[in-house]
PDB file of N, CA and C in Angstrom:
ATOM      1  N   MET A   1       0.669  -0.987  -0.366  1.00  0.00           N
ATOM      2  CA  MET A   1       0.136  -0.182  -0.106  1.00  0.00           C
ATOM      3  C   MET A   1       1.046   1.260  -0.075  1.00  0.00           C
ATOM      4  N   GLN A   2       0.730   2.020  -1.154  1.00  0.00           N
ATOM      5  CA  GLN A   2       1.447   3.375  -0.868  1.00  0.00           C
ATOM      6  C   GLN A   2       0.662   4.583  -0.523  1.00  0.00           C
ATOM      7  N   SER A   3       1.250   5.189   0.468  1.00  0.00           N
ATOM      8  CA  SER A   3      -0.099   6.441   1.037  1.00  0.00           C
ATOM      9  C   SER A   3       1.210   7.769   0.662  1.00  0.00           C
ATOM     10  N   HIS A   4       0.210   8.777   0.837  1.00  0.00           N
ATOM     11  CA  HIS A   4       1.558  10.173   0.351  1.00  0.00           C
ATOM     12  C   HIS A   4       0.588  10.905   1.689  1.00  0.00           C
ATOM     13  N   THR A   5       1.538  11.733   2.360  1.00  0.00           N
ATOM     14  CA  THR A   5       1.341  13.008   3.342  1.00  0.00           C
ATOM     15  C   THR A   5       0.583  14.092   2.823  1.00  0.00           C
ATOM     16  N   ARG A   6      -0.661  14.224   3.879  1.00  0.00           N
ATOM     17  CA  ARG A   6      -0.841  15.571   3.632  1.00  0.00           C
ATOM     18  C   ARG A   6      -1.320  16.059   4.923  1.00  0.00           C
ATOM     19  N   LYS A   7      -1.891  17.161   5.314  1.00  0.00           N
ATOM     20  CA  LYS A   7      -2.026  17.757   6.242  1.00  0.00           C
ATOM     21  C   LYS A   7      -3.736  17.460   6.518  1.00  0.00           C
ATOM     22  N   LEU A   8      -4.000  17.363   7.887  1.00  0.00           N
ATOM     23  CA  LEU A   8      -5.504  17.498   8.340  1.00  0.00           C
ATOM     24  C   LEU A   8      -5.509  18.791   9.295  1.00  0.00           C
ATOM     25  N   LEU A   9      -6.456  19.772   8.476  1.00  0.00           N
ATOM     26  CA  LEU A   9      -6.723  21.147   9.266  1.00  0.00           C
ATOM     27  C   LEU A   9      -8.100  20.722   9.923  1.00  0.00           C
ATOM     28  N   THR A  10      -8.107  21.233  11.347  1.00  0.00           N
ATOM     29  CA  THR A  10      -9.575  20.843  12.118  1.00  0.00           C
ATOM     30  C   THR A  10      -9.596  21.910  12.761  1.00  0.00           C
ATOM     31  N   VAL A  11     -10.694  22.708  12.541  1.00  0.00           N
ATOM     32  CA  VAL A  11     -11.504  24.041  12.719  1.00  0.00           C
ATOM     33  C   VAL A  11     -12.514  23.822  13.966  1.00  0.00           C
ATOM     34  N   ILE A  12     -12.421  24.050  15.188  1.00  0.00           N
ATOM     35  CA  ILE A  12     -13.771  23.689  15.908  1.00  0.00           C
ATOM     36  C   ILE A  12     -13.858  25.349  16.531  1.00  0.00           C
ATOM     37  N   THR A  13     -15.353  25.481  16.002  1.00  0.00           N
ATOM     38  CA  THR A  13     -15.873  27.252  15.964  1.00  0.00           C
ATOM     39  C   THR A  13     -17.152  26.884  16.408  1.00  0.00           C
ATOM     40  N   GLU A  14     -17.784  28.322  16.597  1.00  0.00           N
ATOM     41  CA  GLU A  14     -19.157  28.567  16.354  1.00  0.00           C
ATOM     42  C   GLU A  14     -19.788  28.331  14.963  1.00  0.00           C
ATOM     43  N   ALA A  15     -21.218  27.691  15.238  1.00  0.00           N
ATOM     44  CA  ALA A  15     -22.093  27.096  14.206  1.00  0.00           C
ATOM     45  C   ALA A  15     -22.398  28.340  13.542  1.00  0.00           C
ATOM     46  N   ALA A  16     -22.257  29.586  13.896  1.00  0.00           N
ATOM     47  CA  ALA A  16     -22.914  30.623  13.592  1.00  0.00           C
ATOM     48  C   ALA A  16     -22.051  30.894  12.344  1.00  0.00           C
ATOM     49  N   LEU A  17     -20.615  30.516  12.303  1.00  0.00           N
ATOM     50  CA  LEU A  17     -19.679  31.003  11.230  1.00  0.00           C
ATOM     51  C   LEU A  17     -19.538  30.101   9.807  1.00  0.00           C
ATOM     52  N   GLU A  18     -20.334  29.056  10.190  1.00  0.00           N
ATOM     53  CA  GLU A  18     -20.698  27.965   9.015  1.00  0.00           C
ATOM     54  C   GLU A  18     -20.704  28.282   7.646  1.00  0.00           C
ATOM     55  N   ALA A  19     -21.128  29.311   7.314  1.00  0.00           N
ATOM     56  CA  ALA A  19     -21.646  29.585   6.022  1.00  0.00           C
ATOM     57  C   ALA A  19     -20.166  30.587   5.580  1.00  0.00           C
ATOM     58  N   THR A  20     -19.771  31.603   6.396  1.00  0.00           N
ATOM     59  CA  THR A  20     -19.013  32.351   5.873  1.00  0.00           C
ATOM     60  C   THR A  20     -17.381  31.427   5.904  1.00  0.00           C
ATOM     61  N   LEU A  21     -17.455  30.472   6.992  1.00  0.00           N
ATOM     62  CA  LEU A  21     -15.998  29.788   6.808  1.00  0.00           C
ATOM     63  C   LEU A  21     -15.842  29.007   5.654  1.00  0.00           C
ATOM     64  N   THR A  22     -17.157  28.453   5.173  1.00  0.00           N
ATOM     65  CA  THR A  22     -17.057  27.555   3.939  1.00  0.00           C
ATOM     66  C   THR A  22     -16.525  28.198   2.794  1.00  0.00           C
ATOM     67  N   ARG A  23     -16.936  29.242   2.953  1.00  0.00           N
ATOM     68  CA  ARG A  23     -16.732  30.360   1.280  1.00  0.00           C
ATOM     69  C   ARG A  23     -15.349  30.581   1.712  1.00  0.00           C
ATOM     70  N   ASP A  24     -14.887  31.158   3.072  1.00  0.00           N
ATOM     71  CA  ASP A  24     -13.220  31.126   3.140  1.00  0.00           C
ATOM     72  C   ASP A  24     -12.563  30.010   2.772  1.00  0.00           C
ATOM     73  N   ILE A  25     -12.730  28.805   2.821  1.00  0.00           N
ATOM     74  CA  ILE A  25     -12.155  27.487   2.804  1.00  0.00           C
ATOM     75  C   ILE A  25     -12.110  27.386   1.491  1.00  0.00           C
ATOM     76  N   ASP A  26     -13.334  27.253   0.505  1.00  0.00           N
ATOM     77  CA  ASP A  26     -13.668  27.376  -0.655  1.00  0.00           C
ATOM     78  C   ASP A  26     -12.369  28.098  -1.368  1.00  0.00           C
ATOM     79  N   ARG A  27     -12.255  29.154  -1.209  1.00  0.00           N
ATOM     80  CA  ARG A  27     -11.843  30.586  -1.738  1.00  0.00           C
ATOM     81  C   ARG A  27     -10.214  30.245  -1.720  1.00  0.00           C
ATOM     82  N   LEU A  28      -9.938  29.817  -0.733  1.00  0.00           N
ATOM     83  CA  LEU A  28      -8.218  29.813  -0.504  1.00  0.00           C
ATOM     84  C   LEU A  28      -7.773  27.933  -0.845  1.00  0.00           C
ATOM     85  N   ASN A  29      -8.364  27.352  -1.801  1.00  0.00           N
ATOM     86  CA  ASN A  29      -8.178  26.312  -2.683  1.00  0.00           C
ATOM     87  C   ASN A  29      -8.333  25.072  -2.214  1.00  0.00           C
ATOM     88  N   ALA A  30      -9.058  24.616  -0.554  1.00  0.00           N
ATOM     89  CA  ALA A  30      -9.639  23.323  -0.452  1.00  0.00           C
ATOM     90  C   ALA A  30     -10.099  22.622  -1.274  1.00  0.00           C
ATOM     91  N   HIS A  31     -10.082  21.346  -1.407  1.00  0.00           N
ATOM     92  CA  HIS A  31     -10.960  20.545  -2.395  1.00  0.00           C
ATOM     93  C   HIS A  31     -12.062  20.257  -1.724  1.00  0.00           C
ATOM     94  N   GLY A  32     -12.135  20.241  -0.425  1.00  0.00           N
ATOM     95  CA  GLY A  32     -13.462  19.978  -0.070  1.00  0.00           C
ATOM     96  C   GLY A  32     -13.173  20.020   1.757  1.00  0.00           C
ATOM     97  N   TYR A  33     -14.251  19.849   2.026  1.00  0.00           N
ATOM     98  CA  TYR A  33     -14.049  19.573   3.932  1.00  0.00           C
ATOM     99  C   TYR A  33     -15.314  18.901   4.478  1.00  0.00           C
ATOM    100  N   THR A  34     -15.434  18.947   5.827  1.00  0.00           N
ATOM    101  CA  THR A  34     -16.233  17.679   6.207  1.00  0.00           C
ATOM    102  C   THR A  34     -16.605  19.095   7.675  1.00  0.00           C
ATOM    103  N   ILE A  35     -18.087  18.848   7.687  1.00  0.00           N
ATOM    104  CA  ILE A  35     -18.413  19.372   9.309  1.00  0.00           C
ATOM    105  C   ILE A  35     -19.150  18.723   9.768  1.00  0.00           C
ATOM    106  N   THR A  36     -19.329  18.524  11.349  1.00  0.00           N
ATOM    107  CA  THR A  36     -19.730  17.912  12.186  1.00  0.00           C
ATOM    108  C   THR A  36     -19.862  18.648  13.447  1.00  0.00           C
ATOM    109  N   ASP A  37     -21.327  18.351  14.316  1.00  0.00           N
ATOM    110  CA  ASP A  37     -21.315  18.913  15.213  1.00  0.00           C
ATOM    111  C   ASP A  37     -20.164  18.849  16.251  1.00  0.00           C
ATOM    112  N   ALA A  38     -20.163  19.757  16.940  1.00  0.00           N
ATOM    113  CA  ALA A  38     -19.200  19.547  18.107  1.00  0.00           C
ATOM    114  C   ALA A  38     -19.686  19.763  19.280  1.00  0.00           C
ATOM    115  N   ARG A  39     -19.385  19.598  20.478  1.00  0.00           N
ATOM    116  CA  ARG A  39     -19.345  19.744  21.990  1.00  0.00           C
ATOM    117  C   ARG A  39     -18.397  20.192  22.673  1.00  0.00           C
ATOM    118  N   GLY A  40     -18.412  20.530  24.139  1.00  0.00           N
ATOM    119  CA  GLY A  40     -17.447  20.609  25.084  1.00  0.00           C
ATOM    120  C   GLY A  40     -17.307  21.631  25.728  1.00  0.00           C
ATOM    121  N   LYS A  41     -16.034  21.780  26.331  1.00  0.00           N
ATOM    122  CA  LYS A  41     -16.109  23.062  27.593  1.00  0.00           C
ATOM    123  C   LYS A  41     -14.815  23.805  26.930  1.00  0.00           C
ATOM    124  N   GLY A  42     -14.944  24.869  27.021  1.00  0.00           N
ATOM    125  CA  GLY A  42     -13.260  25.862  26.720  1.00  0.00           C
ATOM    126  C   GLY A  42     -13.807  27.099  27.778  1.00  0.00           C
ATOM    127  N   HIS A  43     -12.576  28.021  27.351  1.00  0.00           N
ATOM    128  CA  HIS A  43     -12.770  29.211  28.394  1.00  0.00           C
ATOM    129  C   HIS A  43     -14.123  29.971  28.025  1.00  0.00           C
ATOM    130  N   ARG A  44     -14.515  29.883  26.831  1.00  0.00           N
ATOM    131  CA  ARG A  44     -15.537  30.663  26.899  1.00  0.00           C
ATOM    132  C   ARG A  44     -17.006  30.052  27.014  1.00  0.00           C
ATOM    133  N   GLY A  45     -16.929  28.832  28.231  1.00  0.00           N
ATOM    134  CA  GLY A  45     -18.100  28.078  28.311  1.00  0.00           C
ATOM    135  C   GLY A  45     -18.340  26.563  27.828  1.00  0.00           C
ATOM    136  N   VAL A  46     -19.596  26.425  28.467  1.00  0.00           N
ATOM    137  CA  VAL A  46     -19.931  24.978  27.523  1.00  0.00           C
ATOM    138  C   VAL A  46     -20.814  25.097  26.491  1.00  0.00           C
ATOM    139  N   ARG A  47     -20.772  24.346  25.628  1.00  0.00           N
ATOM    140  CA  ARG A  47     -21.339  24.378  24.324  1.00  0.00           C
ATOM    141  C   ARG A  47     -21.795  22.966  24.244  1.00  0.00           C
ATOM    142  N   SER A  48     -23.585  22.895  23.635  1.00  0.00           N
ATOM    143  CA  SER A  48     -23.825  21.697  23.342  1.00  0.00           C
ATOM    144  C   SER A  48     -24.008  21.106  21.980  1.00  0.00           C
ATOM    145  N   ALA A  49     -24.700  20.650  22.061  1.00  0.00           N
ATOM    146  CA  ALA A  49     -24.329  19.496  20.499  1.00  0.00           C
ATOM    147  C   ALA A  49     -25.360  20.181  19.653  1.00  0.00           C
ATOM    148  N   GLY A  50     -26.125  20.969  19.943  1.00  0.00           N
ATOM    149  CA  GLY A  50     -27.530  21.088  18.797  1.00  0.00           C
ATOM    150  C   GLY A  50     -26.919  22.403  17.518  1.00  0.00           C
ATOM    151  N   TRP A  51     -27.685  21.944  16.623  1.00  0.00           N
ATOM    152  CA  TRP A  51     -27.559  22.426  15.753  1.00  0.00           C
ATOM    153  C   TRP A  51     -27.930  24.061  15.820  1.00  0.00           C
ATOM    154  N   ASP A  52     -28.037  24.537  16.998  1.00  0.00           N
ATOM    155  CA  ASP A  52     -28.716  26.185  16.513  1.00  0.00           C
ATOM    156  C   ASP A  52     -27.269  27.041  16.611  1.00  0.00           C
ATOM    157  N   ALA A  53     -27.739  28.477  16.734  1.00  0.00           N
ATOM    158  CA  ALA A  53     -26.380  29.474  16.590  1.00  0.00           C
ATOM    159  C   ALA A  53     -25.520  29.163  17.824  1.00  0.00           C
ATOM    160  N   ASN A  54     -26.172  28.673  18.861  1.00  0.00           N
ATOM    161  CA  ASN A  54     -25.099  28.464  20.016  1.00  0.00           C
ATOM    162  C   ASN A  54     -24.436  27.306  20.283  1.00  0.00           C
ATOM    163  N   SER A  55     -24.218  26.337  18.858  1.00  0.00           N
ATOM    164  CA  SER A  55     -23.795  25.057  19.348  1.00  0.00           C
ATOM    165  C   SER A  55     -21.919  25.314  18.353  1.00  0.00           C
ATOM    166  N   ASN A  56     -21.399  24.566  18.211  1.00  0.00           N
ATOM    167  CA  ASN A  56     -19.969  24.587  18.044  1.00  0.00           C
ATOM    168  C   ASN A  56     -19.943  23.301  16.408  1.00  0.00           C
ATOM    169  N   ILE A  57     -19.301  23.617  15.660  1.00  0.00           N
ATOM    170  CA  ILE A  57     -18.881  22.658  14.948  1.00  0.00           C
ATOM    171  C   ILE A  57     -17.653  22.512  14.306  1.00  0.00           C
ATOM    172  N   ARG A  58     -17.530  21.460  13.924  1.00  0.00           N
ATOM    173  CA  ARG A  58     -16.091  20.755  13.482  1.00  0.00           C
ATOM    174  C   ARG A  58     -15.942  20.840  12.051  1.00  0.00           C
ATOM    175  N   ILE A  59     -14.748  21.229  11.579  1.00  0.00           N
ATOM    176  CA  ILE A  59     -14.689  21.286  10.088  1.00  0.00           C
ATOM    177  C   ILE A  59     -12.929  20.687  10.084  1.00  0.00           C
ATOM    178  N   GLU A  60     -13.318  19.947   9.158  1.00  0.00           N
ATOM    179  CA  GLU A  60     -12.287  18.912   8.580  1.00  0.00           C
ATOM    180  C   GLU A  60     -11.891  19.079   7.497  1.00  0.00           C
ATOM    181  N   VAL A  61     -10.441  19.653   6.938  1.00  0.00           N
ATOM    182  CA  VAL A  61     -10.086  19.896   5.738  1.00  0.00           C
ATOM    183  C   VAL A  61      -8.986  19.120   5.383  1.00  0.00           C
ATOM    184  N   VAL A  62      -8.746  18.124   4.439  1.00  0.00           N
ATOM    185  CA  VAL A  62      -7.509  17.208   3.891  1.00  0.00           C
ATOM    186  C   VAL A  62      -7.084  18.206   2.990  1.00  0.00           C
ATOM    187  N   CYS A  63      -5.864  18.745   3.184  1.00  0.00           N
ATOM    188  CA  CYS A  63      -4.898  19.691   1.966  1.00  0.00           C
ATOM    189  C   CYS A  63      -3.432  19.260   1.882  1.00  0.00           C
ATOM    190  N   ASP A  64      -3.212  19.934   0.999  1.00  0.00           N
ATOM    191  CA  ASP A  64      -1.684  20.315   1.207  1.00  0.00           C
ATOM    192  C   ASP A  64      -1.078  21.271   2.195  1.00  0.00           C
ATOM    193  N   ASP A  65       0.400  21.070   2.121  1.00  0.00           N
ATOM    194  CA  ASP A  65       0.688  21.805   3.475  1.00  0.00           C
ATOM    195  C   ASP A  65       0.564  23.213   3.318  1.00  0.00           C
ATOM    196  N   GLN A  66       0.283  23.885   2.100  1.00  0.00           N
ATOM    197  CA  GLN A  66       0.358  25.444   1.490  1.00  0.00           C
ATOM    198  C   GLN A  66      -0.821  25.781   1.932  1.00  0.00           C
ATOM    199  N   THR A  67      -1.932  25.094   1.301  1.00  0.00           N
ATOM    200  CA  THR A  67      -3.302  25.358   1.821  1.00  0.00           C
ATOM    201  C   THR A  67      -3.527  25.299   3.237  1.00  0.00           C
ATOM    202  N   ALA A  68      -3.147  24.228   3.937  1.00  0.00           N
ATOM    203  CA  ALA A  68      -3.591  24.254   5.289  1.00  0.00           C
ATOM    204  C   ALA A  68      -3.105  25.677   6.156  1.00  0.00           C
ATOM    205  N   GLY A  69      -1.702  25.876   5.775  1.00  0.00           N
ATOM    206  CA  GLY A  69      -1.098  27.462   6.142  1.00  0.00           C
ATOM    207  C   GLY A  69      -1.908  28.307   5.780  1.00  0.00           C
ATOM    208  N   ALA A  70      -2.157  28.599   4.604  1.00  0.00           N
ATOM    209  CA  ALA A  70      -2.997  29.648   4.200  1.00  0.00           C
ATOM    210  C   ALA A  70      -4.091  29.616   5.041  1.00  0.00           C
ATOM    211  N   ILE A  71      -5.255  28.546   4.932  1.00  0.00           N
ATOM    212  CA  ILE A  71      -6.582  28.558   5.534  1.00  0.00           C
ATOM    213  C   ILE A  71      -5.931  29.221   7.490  1.00  0.00           C
ATOM    214  N   ALA A  72      -5.315  28.367   7.743  1.00  0.00           N
ATOM    215  CA  ALA A  72      -4.969  28.756   9.124  1.00  0.00           C
ATOM    216  C   ALA A  72      -4.669  30.302   9.341  1.00  0.00           C
ATOM    217  N   ASP A  73      -3.703  30.309   8.254  1.00  0.00           N
ATOM    218  CA  ASP A  73      -3.426  32.202   9.059  1.00  0.00           C
ATOM    219  C   ASP A  73      -4.748  32.916   8.804  1.00  0.00           C
ATOM    220  N   TYR A  74      -5.528  32.873   7.733  1.00  0.00           N
ATOM    221  CA  TYR A  74      -6.809  33.625   7.635  1.00  0.00           C
ATOM    222  C   TYR A  74      -7.366  33.515   8.484  1.00  0.00           C
ATOM    223  N   LEU A  75      -7.759  32.266   8.863  1.00  0.00           N
ATOM    224  CA  LEU A  75      -8.801  32.248   9.972  1.00  0.00           C
ATOM    225  C   LEU A  75      -8.401  32.847  11.661  1.00  0.00           C
ATOM    226  N   ARG A  76      -6.911  32.384  11.458  1.00  0.00           N
ATOM    227  CA  ARG A  76      -6.354  33.109  12.958  1.00  0.00           C
ATOM    228  C   ARG A  76      -6.591  34.856  12.682  1.00  0.00           C
ATOM    229  N   GLU A  77      -6.165  35.016  11.430  1.00  0.00           N
ATOM    230  CA  GLU A  77      -5.994  36.695  11.357  1.00  0.00           C
ATOM    231  C   GLU A  77      -7.563  37.293  11.237  1.00  0.00           C
ATOM    232  N   HIS A  78      -8.594  36.574  10.939  1.00  0.00           N
ATOM    233  CA  HIS A  78      -9.860  37.537  10.339  1.00  0.00           C
ATOM    234  C   HIS A  78     -10.906  36.570  12.043  1.00  0.00           C
ATOM    235  N   TYR A  79     -10.786  35.840  12.633  1.00  0.00           N
ATOM    236  CA  TYR A  79     -11.755  35.498  13.624  1.00  0.00           C
ATOM    237  C   TYR A  79     -11.134  35.266  15.036  1.00  0.00           C
ATOM    238  N   TYR A  80      -9.953  34.767  15.009  1.00  0.00           N
ATOM    239  CA  TYR A  80      -9.335  34.591  16.539  1.00  0.00           C
ATOM    240  C   TYR A  80     -10.143  35.380  17.439  1.00  0.00           C
ATOM    241  N   GLN A  81     -10.074  36.988  17.039  1.00  0.00           N
ATOM    242  CA  GLN A  81     -10.056  37.692  18.284  1.00  0.00           C
ATOM    243  C   GLN A  81     -11.427  38.035  18.518  1.00  0.00           C
ATOM    244  N   ASP A  82     -12.396  37.625  18.017  1.00  0.00           N
ATOM    245  CA  ASP A  82     -14.105  37.508  18.174  1.00  0.00           C
ATOM    246  C   ASP A  82     -14.673  36.563  18.451  1.00  0.00           C
ATOM    247  N   TYR A  83     -14.329  35.251  18.106  1.00  0.00           N
ATOM    248  CA  TYR A  83     -15.110  34.107  18.230  1.00  0.00           C
ATOM    249  C   TYR A  83     -14.673  32.948  18.574  1.00  0.00           C
ATOM    250  N   ALA A  84     -15.022  32.079  19.316  1.00  0.00           N
ATOM    251  CA  ALA A  84     -14.435  31.034  19.841  1.00  0.00           C
ATOM    252  C   ALA A  84     -13.795  30.193  18.786  1.00  0.00           C
ATOM    253  N   MET A  85     -12.756  29.957  18.559  1.00  0.00           N
ATOM    254  CA  MET A  85     -11.969  29.254  17.418  1.00  0.00           C
ATOM    255  C   MET A  85     -10.656  28.597  17.843  1.00  0.00           C
ATOM    256  N   ILE A  86     -10.677  27.130  17.745  1.00  0.00           N
ATOM    257  CA  ILE A  86      -9.353  26.288  17.951  1.00  0.00           C
ATOM    258  C   ILE A  86      -9.406  25.692  16.468  1.00  0.00           C
ATOM    259  N   LEU A  87      -7.643  25.342  16.224  1.00  0.00           N
ATOM    260  CA  LEU A  87      -7.224  25.341  14.847  1.00  0.00           C
ATOM    261  C   LEU A  87      -6.281  24.426  15.240  1.00  0.00           C
ATOM    262  N   PHE A  88      -6.213  23.160  14.915  1.00  0.00           N
ATOM    263  CA  PHE A  88      -4.954  22.197  15.026  1.00  0.00           C
ATOM    264  C   PHE A  88      -4.552  21.827  13.161  1.00  0.00           C
ATOM    265  N   VAL A  89      -3.311  21.339  13.231  1.00  0.00           N
ATOM    266  CA  VAL A  89      -3.028  20.622  11.809  1.00  0.00           C
ATOM    267  C   VAL A  89      -1.995  19.608  12.491  1.00  0.00           C
ATOM    268  N   SER A  90      -2.462  18.349  11.512  1.00  0.00           N
ATOM    269  CA  SER A  90      -1.710  17.060  11.760  1.00  0.00           C
ATOM    270  C   SER A  90      -1.184  16.295  10.392  1.00  0.00           C
ATOM    271  N   ASP A  91      -0.239  16.179  10.601  1.00  0.00           N
ATOM    272  CA  ASP A  91       0.040  15.319   9.163  1.00  0.00           C
ATOM    273  C   ASP A  91      -0.658  13.886   9.247  1.00  0.00           C
ATOM    274  N   ILE A  92      -1.537  13.677   7.994  1.00  0.00           N
ATOM    275  CA  ILE A  92      -2.168  12.389   7.966  1.00  0.00           C
ATOM    276  C   ILE A  92      -1.235  11.829   6.861  1.00  0.00           C
ATOM    277  N   GLU A  93      -2.030  10.100   6.608  1.00  0.00           N
ATOM    278  CA  GLU A  93      -1.485   9.529   5.329  1.00  0.00           C
ATOM    279  C   GLU A  93      -2.786   9.250   4.312  1.00  0.00           C
ATOM    280  N   VAL A  94      -2.840   9.794   2.949  1.00  0.00           N
ATOM    281  CA  VAL A  94      -4.041   9.127   2.411  1.00  0.00           C
ATOM    282  C   VAL A  94      -3.555   8.400   1.240  1.00  0.00           C
ATOM    283  N   LEU A  95      -4.526   7.528   0.873  1.00  0.00           N
ATOM    284  CA  LEU A  95      -4.258   6.889  -0.476  1.00  0.00           C
ATOM    285  C   LEU A  95      -4.654   7.075  -1.783  1.00  0.00           C
ATOM    286  N   ARG A  96      -5.263   8.331  -1.676  1.00  0.00           N
ATOM    287  CA  ARG A  96      -5.937   8.769  -2.819  1.00  0.00           C
ATOM    288  C   ARG A  96      -5.286  10.640  -2.915  1.00  0.00           C
ATOM    289  N   PRO A  97      -4.058  10.737  -3.557  1.00  0.00           N
ATOM    290  CA  PRO A  97      -3.562  12.065  -3.257  1.00  0.00           C
ATOM    291  C   PRO A  97      -4.204  13.135  -3.900  1.00  0.00           C
ATOM    292  N   GLU A  98      -4.690  12.503  -5.312  1.00  0.00           N
ATOM    293  CA  GLU A  98      -5.320  13.429  -6.415  1.00  0.00           C
ATOM    294  C   GLU A  98      -6.230  14.292  -5.731  1.00  0.00           C
ATOM    295  N   LYS A  99      -6.899  13.519  -4.527  1.00  0.00           N
ATOM    296  CA  LYS A  99      -8.238  14.455  -4.026  1.00  0.00           C
ATOM    297  C   LYS A  99      -7.870  15.306  -3.162  1.00  0.00           C
ATOM    298  N   PHE A 100      -6.874  15.356  -2.476  1.00  0.00           N
ATOM    299  CA  PHE A 100      -6.823  16.406  -1.922  1.00  0.00           C
ATOM    300  C   PHE A 100      -5.442  17.675  -2.275  1.00  0.00           C
TER     301      PHE A 100
END
């Protein structure tokens, strides 16, 4: 089995940002993303897993290093100050590199 290294950019943030963030992620050249509901507790309090405006979402983007860096830099610059948002990047192995 041959695998190829890509980045997994994970964004956990407020559900109210979903439409805006997906536009940003598309514009910054991601080939796609996955969105799921998220819940937990942080310094901004407890978030439920409901799909209303007070919930959190997890956005996962598999992409190359350059795209992950561009998206992370943009989100940090435009959202970190005013919204609950966590970003982390992991190395992953994919089997179909042309998709990412």
